[in-house]
Amino acid sequence: MATSVLRFSLRLSTRKTGILSRNPGLKTSAIPRTTQSRTAVSTPSGAILPKPDKTPFGLIRMTAVVVPFLYVGTLISKNFAALLEEHDIFVPEDDDDDD
């Protein structure tokens, strides 16, 4: 919401200003000039915002996320493989190669 208000005010301010041409006078443009503003790194007044706080992503947090999901994925795949074998949908053939 705040960025749309800022962009609207920037469009109004650029519409009112003239652009220089080869002629000595100022002409107003029929096409409004748009300026790019990155409000993520600066305030509307132009001041640079401080760097965001960095949250350390340690080995313990990574393990706490990865291990349970790997375990759940393993259980799902094991149960699905057992279901396929039970219904004879995908059963590996036993070839006797004792020659």
PDB file of N, CA and C in Angstrom:
ATOM      1  N   MET A   1       0.822  -1.178   0.000  1.00  0.00           N
ATOM      2  CA  MET A   1       0.000   0.000   0.000  1.00  0.00           C
ATOM      3  C   MET A   1       0.871   1.247   0.000  1.00  0.00           C
ATOM      4  N   ALA A   2       1.893   1.235   0.856  1.00  0.00           N
ATOM      5  CA  ALA A   2       2.748   2.418   0.952  1.00  0.00           C
ATOM      6  C   ALA A   2       3.561   2.609  -0.323  1.00  0.00           C
ATOM      7  N   THR A   3       3.970   1.515  -0.951  1.00  0.00           N
ATOM      8  CA  THR A   3       4.748   1.645  -2.180  1.00  0.00           C
ATOM      9  C   THR A   3       3.897   2.170  -3.324  1.00  0.00           C
ATOM     10  N   SER A   4       2.603   1.770  -3.365  1.00  0.00           N
ATOM     11  CA  SER A   4       1.744   2.281  -4.428  1.00  0.00           C
ATOM     12  C   SER A   4       1.485   3.770  -4.252  1.00  0.00           C
ATOM     13  N   VAL A   5       1.351   4.227  -3.006  1.00  0.00           N
ATOM     14  CA  VAL A   5       1.180   5.661  -2.755  1.00  0.00           C
ATOM     15  C   VAL A   5       2.438   6.417  -3.163  1.00  0.00           C
ATOM     16  N   LEU A   6       3.606   5.841  -2.862  1.00  0.00           N
ATOM     17  CA  LEU A   6       4.866   6.478  -3.235  1.00  0.00           C
ATOM     18  C   LEU A   6       5.004   6.544  -4.745  1.00  0.00           C
ATOM     19  N   ARG A   7       4.692   5.469  -5.436  1.00  0.00           N
ATOM     20  CA  ARG A   7       4.791   5.471  -6.895  1.00  0.00           C
ATOM     21  C   ARG A   7       3.817   6.465  -7.517  1.00  0.00           C
ATOM     22  N   PHE A   8       2.611   6.557  -6.969  1.00  0.00           N
ATOM     23  CA  PHE A   8       1.634   7.501  -7.486  1.00  0.00           C
ATOM     24  C   PHE A   8       2.128   8.929  -7.311  1.00  0.00           C
ATOM     25  N   SER A   9       2.698   9.239  -6.146  1.00  0.00           N
ATOM     26  CA  SER A   9       3.205  10.596  -5.923  1.00  0.00           C
ATOM     27  C   SER A   9       4.407  10.885  -6.822  1.00  0.00           C
ATOM     28  N   LEU A  10       5.239   9.870  -7.085  1.00  0.00           N
ATOM     29  CA  LEU A  10       6.365  10.065  -7.995  1.00  0.00           C
ATOM     30  C   LEU A  10       5.888  10.312  -9.419  1.00  0.00           C
ATOM     31  N   ARG A  11       4.833   9.623  -9.830  1.00  0.00           N
ATOM     32  CA  ARG A  11       4.293   9.849 -11.172  1.00  0.00           C
ATOM     33  C   ARG A  11       3.727  11.250 -11.310  1.00  0.00           C
ATOM     34  N   LEU A  12       3.045  11.708 -10.257  1.00  0.00           N
ATOM     35  CA  LEU A  12       2.503  13.067 -10.316  1.00  0.00           C
ATOM     36  C   LEU A  12       3.612  14.108 -10.370  1.00  0.00           C
ATOM     37  N   SER A  13       4.674  13.905  -9.604  1.00  0.00           N
ATOM     38  CA  SER A  13       5.749  14.884  -9.582  1.00  0.00           C
ATOM     39  C   SER A  13       6.534  14.882 -10.889  1.00  0.00           C
ATOM     40  N   THR A  14       6.711  13.716 -11.520  1.00  0.00           N
ATOM     41  CA  THR A  14       7.437  13.683 -12.792  1.00  0.00           C
ATOM     42  C   THR A  14       6.574  14.195 -13.933  1.00  0.00           C
ATOM     43  N   ARG A  15       5.273  14.109 -13.813  1.00  0.00           N
ATOM     44  CA  ARG A  15       4.381  14.603 -14.851  1.00  0.00           C
ATOM     45  C   ARG A  15       4.409  16.131 -14.901  1.00  0.00           C
ATOM     46  N   LYS A  16       4.570  16.770 -13.743  1.00  0.00           N
ATOM     47  CA  LYS A  16       4.548  18.221 -13.685  1.00  0.00           C
ATOM     48  C   LYS A  16       5.861  18.851 -14.136  1.00  0.00           C
ATOM     49  N   THR A  17       6.946  18.108 -14.095  1.00  0.00           N
ATOM     50  CA  THR A  17       8.232  18.661 -14.489  1.00  0.00           C
ATOM     51  C   THR A  17       8.410  18.553 -15.985  1.00  0.00           C
ATOM     52  N   GLY A  18       9.163  19.458 -16.541  1.00  0.00           N
ATOM     53  CA  GLY A  18       9.401  19.439 -17.973  1.00  0.00           C
ATOM     54  C   GLY A  18      10.716  18.746 -18.284  1.00  0.00           C
ATOM     55  N   ILE A  19      10.882  18.374 -19.536  1.00  0.00           N
ATOM     56  CA  ILE A  19      12.132  17.771 -19.951  1.00  0.00           C
ATOM     57  C   ILE A  19      12.828  18.724 -20.906  1.00  0.00           C
ATOM     58  N   LEU A  20      14.122  18.693 -20.905  1.00  0.00           N
ATOM     59  CA  LEU A  20      14.885  19.578 -21.777  1.00  0.00           C
ATOM     60  C   LEU A  20      14.908  19.009 -23.188  1.00  0.00           C
ATOM     61  N   SER A  21      14.767  19.875 -24.147  1.00  0.00           N
ATOM     62  CA  SER A  21      14.866  19.455 -25.536  1.00  0.00           C
ATOM     63  C   SER A  21      15.924  20.310 -26.220  1.00  0.00           C
ATOM     64  N   ARG A  22      16.067  20.182 -27.522  1.00  0.00           N
ATOM     65  CA  ARG A  22      17.047  20.988 -28.252  1.00  0.00           C
ATOM     66  C   ARG A  22      16.630  22.449 -28.312  1.00  0.00           C
ATOM     67  N   ASN A  23      15.336  22.680 -28.207  1.00  0.00           N
ATOM     68  CA  ASN A  23      14.864  24.060 -28.187  1.00  0.00           C
ATOM     69  C   ASN A  23      15.187  24.673 -26.842  1.00  0.00           C
ATOM     70  N   PRO A  24      15.400  25.985 -26.808  1.00  0.00           N
ATOM     71  CA  PRO A  24      15.805  26.604 -25.546  1.00  0.00           C
ATOM     72  C   PRO A  24      14.751  26.578 -24.447  1.00  0.00           C
ATOM     73  N   GLY A  25      13.516  26.366 -24.748  1.00  0.00           N
ATOM     74  CA  GLY A  25      12.479  26.403 -23.715  1.00  0.00           C
ATOM     75  C   GLY A  25      12.206  25.027 -23.133  1.00  0.00           C
ATOM     76  N   LEU A  26      11.447  25.011 -22.057  1.00  0.00           N
ATOM     77  CA  LEU A  26      11.039  23.747 -21.447  1.00  0.00           C
ATOM     78  C   LEU A  26       9.730  23.299 -22.058  1.00  0.00           C
ATOM     79  N   LYS A  27       9.613  22.042 -22.329  1.00  0.00           N
ATOM     80  CA  LYS A  27       8.374  21.474 -22.843  1.00  0.00           C
ATOM     81  C   LYS A  27       7.907  20.402 -21.876  1.00  0.00           C
ATOM     82  N   THR A  28       6.627  20.315 -21.723  1.00  0.00           N
ATOM     83  CA  THR A  28       6.091  19.231 -20.910  1.00  0.00           C
ATOM     84  C   THR A  28       5.854  18.037 -21.818  1.00  0.00           C
ATOM     85  N   SER A  29       6.115  16.886 -21.305  1.00  0.00           N
ATOM     86  CA  SER A  29       6.006  15.669 -22.088  1.00  0.00           C
ATOM     87  C   SER A  29       4.602  15.097 -21.963  1.00  0.00           C
ATOM     88  N   ALA A  30       4.083  14.554 -23.065  1.00  0.00           N
ATOM     89  CA  ALA A  30       2.782  13.894 -23.023  1.00  0.00           C
ATOM     90  C   ALA A  30       2.911  12.514 -22.376  1.00  0.00           C
ATOM     91  N   ILE A  31       4.114  11.926 -22.458  1.00  0.00           N
ATOM     92  CA  ILE A  31       4.362  10.624 -21.852  1.00  0.00           C
ATOM     93  C   ILE A  31       5.057  10.857 -20.515  1.00  0.00           C
ATOM     94  N   PRO A  32       4.465  10.408 -19.418  1.00  0.00           N
ATOM     95  CA  PRO A  32       5.110  10.641 -18.122  1.00  0.00           C
ATOM     96  C   PRO A  32       6.379   9.796 -17.982  1.00  0.00           C
ATOM     97  N   ARG A  33       7.426  10.419 -17.488  1.00  0.00           N
ATOM     98  CA  ARG A  33       8.672   9.703 -17.240  1.00  0.00           C
ATOM     99  C   ARG A  33       8.561   8.994 -15.902  1.00  0.00           C
ATOM    100  N   THR A  34       8.931   7.734 -15.888  1.00  0.00           N
ATOM    101  CA  THR A  34       8.885   6.990 -14.633  1.00  0.00           C
ATOM    102  C   THR A  34      10.292   6.848 -14.099  1.00  0.00           C
ATOM    103  N   THR A  35      10.415   6.972 -12.811  1.00  0.00           N
ATOM    104  CA  THR A  35      11.708   6.782 -12.170  1.00  0.00           C
ATOM    105  C   THR A  35      11.641   5.511 -11.346  1.00  0.00           C
ATOM    106  N   GLN A  36      12.723   4.777 -11.356  1.00  0.00           N
ATOM    107  CA  GLN A  36      12.769   3.549 -10.584  1.00  0.00           C
ATOM    108  C   GLN A  36      13.169   3.885  -9.161  1.00  0.00           C
ATOM    109  N   SER A  37      12.407   3.374  -8.225  1.00  0.00           N
ATOM    110  CA  SER A  37      12.758   3.570  -6.824  1.00  0.00           C
ATOM    111  C   SER A  37      12.761   2.217  -6.148  1.00  0.00           C
ATOM    112  N   ARG A  38      13.768   1.975  -5.369  1.00  0.00           N
ATOM    113  CA  ARG A  38      13.886   0.716  -4.637  1.00  0.00           C
ATOM    114  C   ARG A  38      13.649   1.016  -3.175  1.00  0.00           C
ATOM    115  N   THR A  39      12.416   0.888  -2.736  1.00  0.00           N
ATOM    116  CA  THR A  39      12.092   1.220  -1.356  1.00  0.00           C
ATOM    117  C   THR A  39      12.590   0.169  -0.387  1.00  0.00           C
ATOM    118  N   ALA A  40      13.070  -0.943  -0.901  1.00  0.00           N
ATOM    119  CA  ALA A  40      13.578  -1.984  -0.016  1.00  0.00           C
ATOM    120  C   ALA A  40      14.930  -1.593   0.570  1.00  0.00           C
ATOM    121  N   VAL A  41      15.673  -0.730  -0.091  1.00  0.00           N
ATOM    122  CA  VAL A  41      16.991  -0.360   0.396  1.00  0.00           C
ATOM    123  C   VAL A  41      17.077   1.104   0.795  1.00  0.00           C
ATOM    124  N   SER A  42      16.030   1.867   0.512  1.00  0.00           N
ATOM    125  CA  SER A  42      16.080   3.278   0.880  1.00  0.00           C
ATOM    126  C   SER A  42      14.706   3.747   1.339  1.00  0.00           C
ATOM    127  N   THR A  43      14.707   4.831   2.082  1.00  0.00           N
ATOM    128  CA  THR A  43      13.462   5.428   2.538  1.00  0.00           C
ATOM    129  C   THR A  43      12.957   6.389   1.468  1.00  0.00           C
ATOM    130  N   PRO A  44      11.731   6.853   1.576  1.00  0.00           N
ATOM    131  CA  PRO A  44      11.237   7.805   0.579  1.00  0.00           C
ATOM    132  C   PRO A  44      12.067   9.092   0.513  1.00  0.00           C
ATOM    133  N   SER A  45      12.728   9.455   1.598  1.00  0.00           N
ATOM    134  CA  SER A  45      13.554  10.661   1.577  1.00  0.00           C
ATOM    135  C   SER A  45      14.915  10.428   0.934  1.00  0.00           C
ATOM    136  N   GLY A  46      15.261   9.146   0.681  1.00  0.00           N
ATOM    137  CA  GLY A  46      16.517   8.827   0.016  1.00  0.00           C
ATOM    138  C   GLY A  46      17.585   8.264   0.932  1.00  0.00           C
ATOM    139  N   ALA A  47      17.301   8.154   2.212  1.00  0.00           N
ATOM    140  CA  ALA A  47      18.288   7.615   3.149  1.00  0.00           C
ATOM    141  C   ALA A  47      18.406   6.105   2.971  1.00  0.00           C
ATOM    142  N   ILE A  48      19.608   5.597   3.112  1.00  0.00           N
ATOM    143  CA  ILE A  48      19.851   4.162   2.963  1.00  0.00           C
ATOM    144  C   ILE A  48      19.508   3.464   4.271  1.00  0.00           C
ATOM    145  N   LEU A  49      18.729   2.410   4.164  1.00  0.00           N
ATOM    146  CA  LEU A  49      18.327   1.657   5.345  1.00  0.00           C
ATOM    147  C   LEU A  49      19.491   0.801   5.842  1.00  0.00           C
ATOM    148  N   PRO A  50      19.531   0.505   7.139  1.00  0.00           N
ATOM    149  CA  PRO A  50      20.599  -0.366   7.649  1.00  0.00           C
ATOM    150  C   PRO A  50      20.393  -1.801   7.158  1.00  0.00           C
ATOM    151  N   LYS A  51      21.460  -2.582   7.217  1.00  0.00           N
ATOM    152  CA  LYS A  51      21.377  -3.974   6.786  1.00  0.00           C
ATOM    153  C   LYS A  51      20.421  -4.732   7.698  1.00  0.00           C
ATOM    154  N   PRO A  52      19.666  -5.673   7.135  1.00  0.00           N
ATOM    155  CA  PRO A  52      18.751  -6.458   7.977  1.00  0.00           C
ATOM    156  C   PRO A  52      19.525  -7.387   8.900  1.00  0.00           C
ATOM    157  N   ASP A  53      18.888  -7.744  10.010  1.00  0.00           N
ATOM    158  CA  ASP A  53      19.505  -8.668  10.949  1.00  0.00           C
ATOM    159  C   ASP A  53      19.624 -10.036  10.304  1.00  0.00           C
ATOM    160  N   LYS A  54      20.765 -10.652  10.470  1.00  0.00           N
ATOM    161  CA  LYS A  54      21.016 -11.961   9.874  1.00  0.00           C
ATOM    162  C   LYS A  54      20.833 -13.029  10.949  1.00  0.00           C
ATOM    163  N   THR A  55      19.955 -13.987  10.677  1.00  0.00           N
ATOM    164  CA  THR A  55      19.720 -15.074  11.606  1.00  0.00           C
ATOM    165  C   THR A  55      20.661 -16.215  11.257  1.00  0.00           C
ATOM    166  N   PRO A  56      21.483 -16.637  12.194  1.00  0.00           N
ATOM    167  CA  PRO A  56      22.403 -17.734  11.877  1.00  0.00           C
ATOM    168  C   PRO A  56      21.641 -19.037  11.674  1.00  0.00           C
ATOM    169  N   PHE A  57      22.007 -19.764  10.647  1.00  0.00           N
ATOM    170  CA  PHE A  57      21.352 -21.028  10.329  1.00  0.00           C
ATOM    171  C   PHE A  57      22.320 -22.141  10.656  1.00  0.00           C
ATOM    172  N   GLY A  58      22.293 -22.586  11.889  1.00  0.00           N
ATOM    173  CA  GLY A  58      23.266 -23.549  12.378  1.00  0.00           C
ATOM    174  C   GLY A  58      22.971 -24.977  11.975  1.00  0.00           C
ATOM    175  N   LEU A  59      23.908 -25.810  12.297  1.00  0.00           N
ATOM    176  CA  LEU A  59      23.812 -27.235  11.969  1.00  0.00           C
ATOM    177  C   LEU A  59      22.671 -27.893  12.737  1.00  0.00           C
ATOM    178  N   ILE A  60      22.409 -27.449  13.948  1.00  0.00           N
ATOM    179  CA  ILE A  60      21.335 -28.043  14.753  1.00  0.00           C
ATOM    180  C   ILE A  60      19.971 -27.739  14.138  1.00  0.00           C
ATOM    181  N   ARG A  61      19.778 -26.492  13.686  1.00  0.00           N
ATOM    182  CA  ARG A  61      18.500 -26.141  13.066  1.00  0.00           C
ATOM    183  C   ARG A  61      18.304 -26.889  11.757  1.00  0.00           C
ATOM    184  N   MET A  62      19.366 -27.007  10.984  1.00  0.00           N
ATOM    185  CA  MET A  62      19.269 -27.727   9.724  1.00  0.00           C
ATOM    186  C   MET A  62      18.938 -29.196   9.969  1.00  0.00           C
ATOM    187  N   THR A  63      19.566 -29.801  10.964  1.00  0.00           N
ATOM    188  CA  THR A  63      19.301 -31.198  11.290  1.00  0.00           C
ATOM    189  C   THR A  63      17.871 -31.378  11.788  1.00  0.00           C
ATOM    190  N   ALA A  64      17.390 -30.425  12.579  1.00  0.00           N
ATOM    191  CA  ALA A  64      16.033 -30.513  13.115  1.00  0.00           C
ATOM    192  C   ALA A  64      14.985 -30.443  12.012  1.00  0.00           C
ATOM    193  N   VAL A  65      15.309 -29.848  10.877  1.00  0.00           N
ATOM    194  CA  VAL A  65      14.369 -29.773   9.770  1.00  0.00           C
ATOM    195  C   VAL A  65      14.531 -30.944   8.813  1.00  0.00           C
ATOM    196  N   VAL A  66      15.757 -31.299   8.475  1.00  0.00           N
ATOM    197  CA  VAL A  66      16.007 -32.291   7.428  1.00  0.00           C
ATOM    198  C   VAL A  66      15.690 -33.707   7.897  1.00  0.00           C
ATOM    199  N   VAL A  67      16.121 -34.094   9.077  1.00  0.00           N
ATOM    200  CA  VAL A  67      15.984 -35.476   9.524  1.00  0.00           C
ATOM    201  C   VAL A  67      14.519 -35.921   9.629  1.00  0.00           C
ATOM    202  N   PRO A  68      13.618 -35.152  10.240  1.00  0.00           N
ATOM    203  CA  PRO A  68      12.223 -35.631  10.285  1.00  0.00           C
ATOM    204  C   PRO A  68      11.585 -35.779   8.900  1.00  0.00           C
ATOM    205  N   PHE A  69      11.880 -34.859   7.989  1.00  0.00           N
ATOM    206  CA  PHE A  69      11.284 -34.959   6.659  1.00  0.00           C
ATOM    207  C   PHE A  69      11.874 -36.121   5.864  1.00  0.00           C
ATOM    208  N   LEU A  70      13.156 -36.411   6.037  1.00  0.00           N
ATOM    209  CA  LEU A  70      13.730 -37.593   5.399  1.00  0.00           C
ATOM    210  C   LEU A  70      13.100 -38.871   5.946  1.00  0.00           C
ATOM    211  N   TYR A  71      12.874 -38.898   7.240  1.00  0.00           N
ATOM    212  CA  TYR A  71      12.273 -40.074   7.869  1.00  0.00           C
ATOM    213  C   TYR A  71      10.838 -40.277   7.371  1.00  0.00           C
ATOM    214  N   VAL A  72      10.068 -39.206   7.313  1.00  0.00           N
ATOM    215  CA  VAL A  72       8.685 -39.311   6.836  1.00  0.00           C
ATOM    216  C   VAL A  72       8.661 -39.728   5.370  1.00  0.00           C
ATOM    217  N   GLY A  73       9.551 -39.192   4.560  1.00  0.00           N
ATOM    218  CA  GLY A  73       9.626 -39.583   3.151  1.00  0.00           C
ATOM    219  C   GLY A  73       9.997 -41.041   2.985  1.00  0.00           C
ATOM    220  N   THR A  74      10.894 -41.528   3.832  1.00  0.00           N
ATOM    221  CA  THR A  74      11.274 -42.939   3.786  1.00  0.00           C
ATOM    222  C   THR A  74      10.099 -43.832   4.157  1.00  0.00           C
ATOM    223  N   LEU A  75       9.339 -43.459   5.187  1.00  0.00           N
ATOM    224  CA  LEU A  75       8.175 -44.254   5.580  1.00  0.00           C
ATOM    225  C   LEU A  75       7.116 -44.290   4.476  1.00  0.00           C
ATOM    226  N   ILE A  76       6.881 -43.148   3.842  1.00  0.00           N
ATOM    227  CA  ILE A  76       5.885 -43.095   2.769  1.00  0.00           C
ATOM    228  C   ILE A  76       6.303 -43.986   1.603  1.00  0.00           C
ATOM    229  N   SER A  77       7.567 -43.886   1.194  1.00  0.00           N
ATOM    230  CA  SER A  77       8.018 -44.691   0.050  1.00  0.00           C
ATOM    231  C   SER A  77       8.018 -46.182   0.389  1.00  0.00           C
ATOM    232  N   LYS A  78       8.370 -46.543   1.621  1.00  0.00           N
ATOM    233  CA  LYS A  78       8.371 -47.960   2.027  1.00  0.00           C
ATOM    234  C   LYS A  78       6.953 -48.518   2.020  1.00  0.00           C
ATOM    235  N   ASN A  79       6.003 -47.749   2.560  1.00  0.00           N
ATOM    236  CA  ASN A  79       4.609 -48.206   2.589  1.00  0.00           C
ATOM    237  C   ASN A  79       4.016 -48.293   1.186  1.00  0.00           C
ATOM    238  N   PHE A  80       4.380 -47.368   0.313  1.00  0.00           N
ATOM    239  CA  PHE A  80       3.865 -47.398  -1.052  1.00  0.00           C
ATOM    240  C   PHE A  80       4.452 -48.572  -1.825  1.00  0.00           C
ATOM    241  N   ALA A  81       5.728 -48.876  -1.608  1.00  0.00           N
ATOM    242  CA  ALA A  81       6.334 -50.034  -2.263  1.00  0.00           C
ATOM    243  C   ALA A  81       5.681 -51.328  -1.784  1.00  0.00           C
ATOM    244  N   ALA A  82       5.354 -51.416  -0.500  1.00  0.00           N
ATOM    245  CA  ALA A  82       4.679 -52.602   0.027  1.00  0.00           C
ATOM    246  C   ALA A  82       3.269 -52.724  -0.562  1.00  0.00           C
ATOM    247  N   LEU A  83       2.581 -51.600  -0.753  1.00  0.00           N
ATOM    248  CA  LEU A  83       1.251 -51.611  -1.341  1.00  0.00           C
ATOM    249  C   LEU A  83       1.302 -52.090  -2.797  1.00  0.00           C
ATOM    250  N   LEU A  84       2.293 -51.621  -3.545  1.00  0.00           N
ATOM    251  CA  LEU A  84       2.437 -52.053  -4.935  1.00  0.00           C
ATOM    252  C   LEU A  84       2.743 -53.545  -5.024  1.00  0.00           C
ATOM    253  N   GLU A  85       3.574 -54.035  -4.127  1.00  0.00           N
ATOM    254  CA  GLU A  85       3.920 -55.458  -4.149  1.00  0.00           C
ATOM    255  C   GLU A  85       2.736 -56.314  -3.716  1.00  0.00           C
ATOM    256  N   GLU A  86       1.945 -55.818  -2.786  1.00  0.00           N
ATOM    257  CA  GLU A  86       0.777 -56.564  -2.305  1.00  0.00           C
ATOM    258  C   GLU A  86      -0.254 -56.744  -3.409  1.00  0.00           C
ATOM    259  N   HIS A  87      -0.433 -55.731  -4.242  1.00  0.00           N
ATOM    260  CA  HIS A  87      -1.422 -55.805  -5.321  1.00  0.00           C
ATOM    261  C   HIS A  87      -0.814 -56.295  -6.635  1.00  0.00           C
ATOM    262  N   ASP A  88       0.398 -56.802  -6.589  1.00  0.00           N
ATOM    263  CA  ASP A  88       1.106 -57.328  -7.757  1.00  0.00           C
ATOM    264  C   ASP A  88       1.162 -56.330  -8.912  1.00  0.00           C
ATOM    265  N   ILE A  89       1.301 -55.084  -8.583  1.00  0.00           N
ATOM    266  CA  ILE A  89       1.420 -54.052  -9.620  1.00  0.00           C
ATOM    267  C   ILE A  89       2.862 -53.968 -10.100  1.00  0.00           C
ATOM    268  N   PHE A  90       3.773 -53.946  -9.183  1.00  0.00           N
ATOM    269  CA  PHE A  90       5.185 -53.911  -9.547  1.00  0.00           C
ATOM    270  C   PHE A  90       5.914 -54.880  -8.635  1.00  0.00           C
ATOM    271  N   VAL A  91       6.186 -56.046  -9.171  1.00  0.00           N
ATOM    272  CA  VAL A  91       6.891 -57.072  -8.408  1.00  0.00           C
ATOM    273  C   VAL A  91       8.108 -57.478  -9.215  1.00  0.00           C
ATOM    274  N   PRO A  92       9.285 -57.347  -8.641  1.00  0.00           N
ATOM    275  CA  PRO A  92      10.470 -57.768  -9.398  1.00  0.00           C
ATOM    276  C   PRO A  92      10.469 -59.271  -9.605  1.00  0.00           C
ATOM    277  N   GLU A  93      10.903 -59.685 -10.796  1.00  0.00           N
ATOM    278  CA  GLU A  93      10.933 -61.109 -11.116  1.00  0.00           C
ATOM    279  C   GLU A  93      12.164 -61.744 -10.475  1.00  0.00           C
ATOM    280  N   ASP A  94      11.964 -62.977  -9.986  1.00  0.00           N
ATOM    281  CA  ASP A  94      13.088 -63.701  -9.413  1.00  0.00           C
ATOM    282  C   ASP A  94      13.688 -64.582 -10.503  1.00  0.00           C
ATOM    283  N   ASP A  95      14.814 -64.167 -11.012  1.00  0.00           N
ATOM    284  CA  ASP A  95      15.506 -64.956 -12.022  1.00  0.00           C
ATOM    285  C   ASP A  95      16.552 -65.823 -11.329  1.00  0.00           C
ATOM    286  N   ASP A  96      16.486 -67.098 -11.644  1.00  0.00           N
ATOM    287  CA  ASP A  96      17.490 -68.027 -11.094  1.00  0.00           C
ATOM    288  C   ASP A  96      18.642 -68.126 -12.073  1.00  0.00           C
ATOM    289  N   ASP A  97      19.723 -67.506 -11.735  1.00  0.00           N
ATOM    290  CA  ASP A  97      20.928 -67.545 -12.586  1.00  0.00           C
ATOM    291  C   ASP A  97      21.999 -68.390 -11.920  1.00  0.00           C
ATOM    292  N   ASP A  98      21.621 -69.614 -11.582  1.00  0.00           N
ATOM    293  CA  ASP A  98      22.570 -70.509 -10.909  1.00  0.00           C
ATOM    294  C   ASP A  98      23.318 -71.380 -11.903  1.00  0.00           C
ATOM    295  N   ASP A  99      23.406 -71.029 -13.109  1.00  0.00           N
ATOM    296  CA  ASP A  99      24.050 -71.864 -14.135  1.00  0.00           C
ATOM    297  C   ASP A  99      25.494 -72.060 -13.874  1.00  0.00           C
TER     298      ASP A  99
END
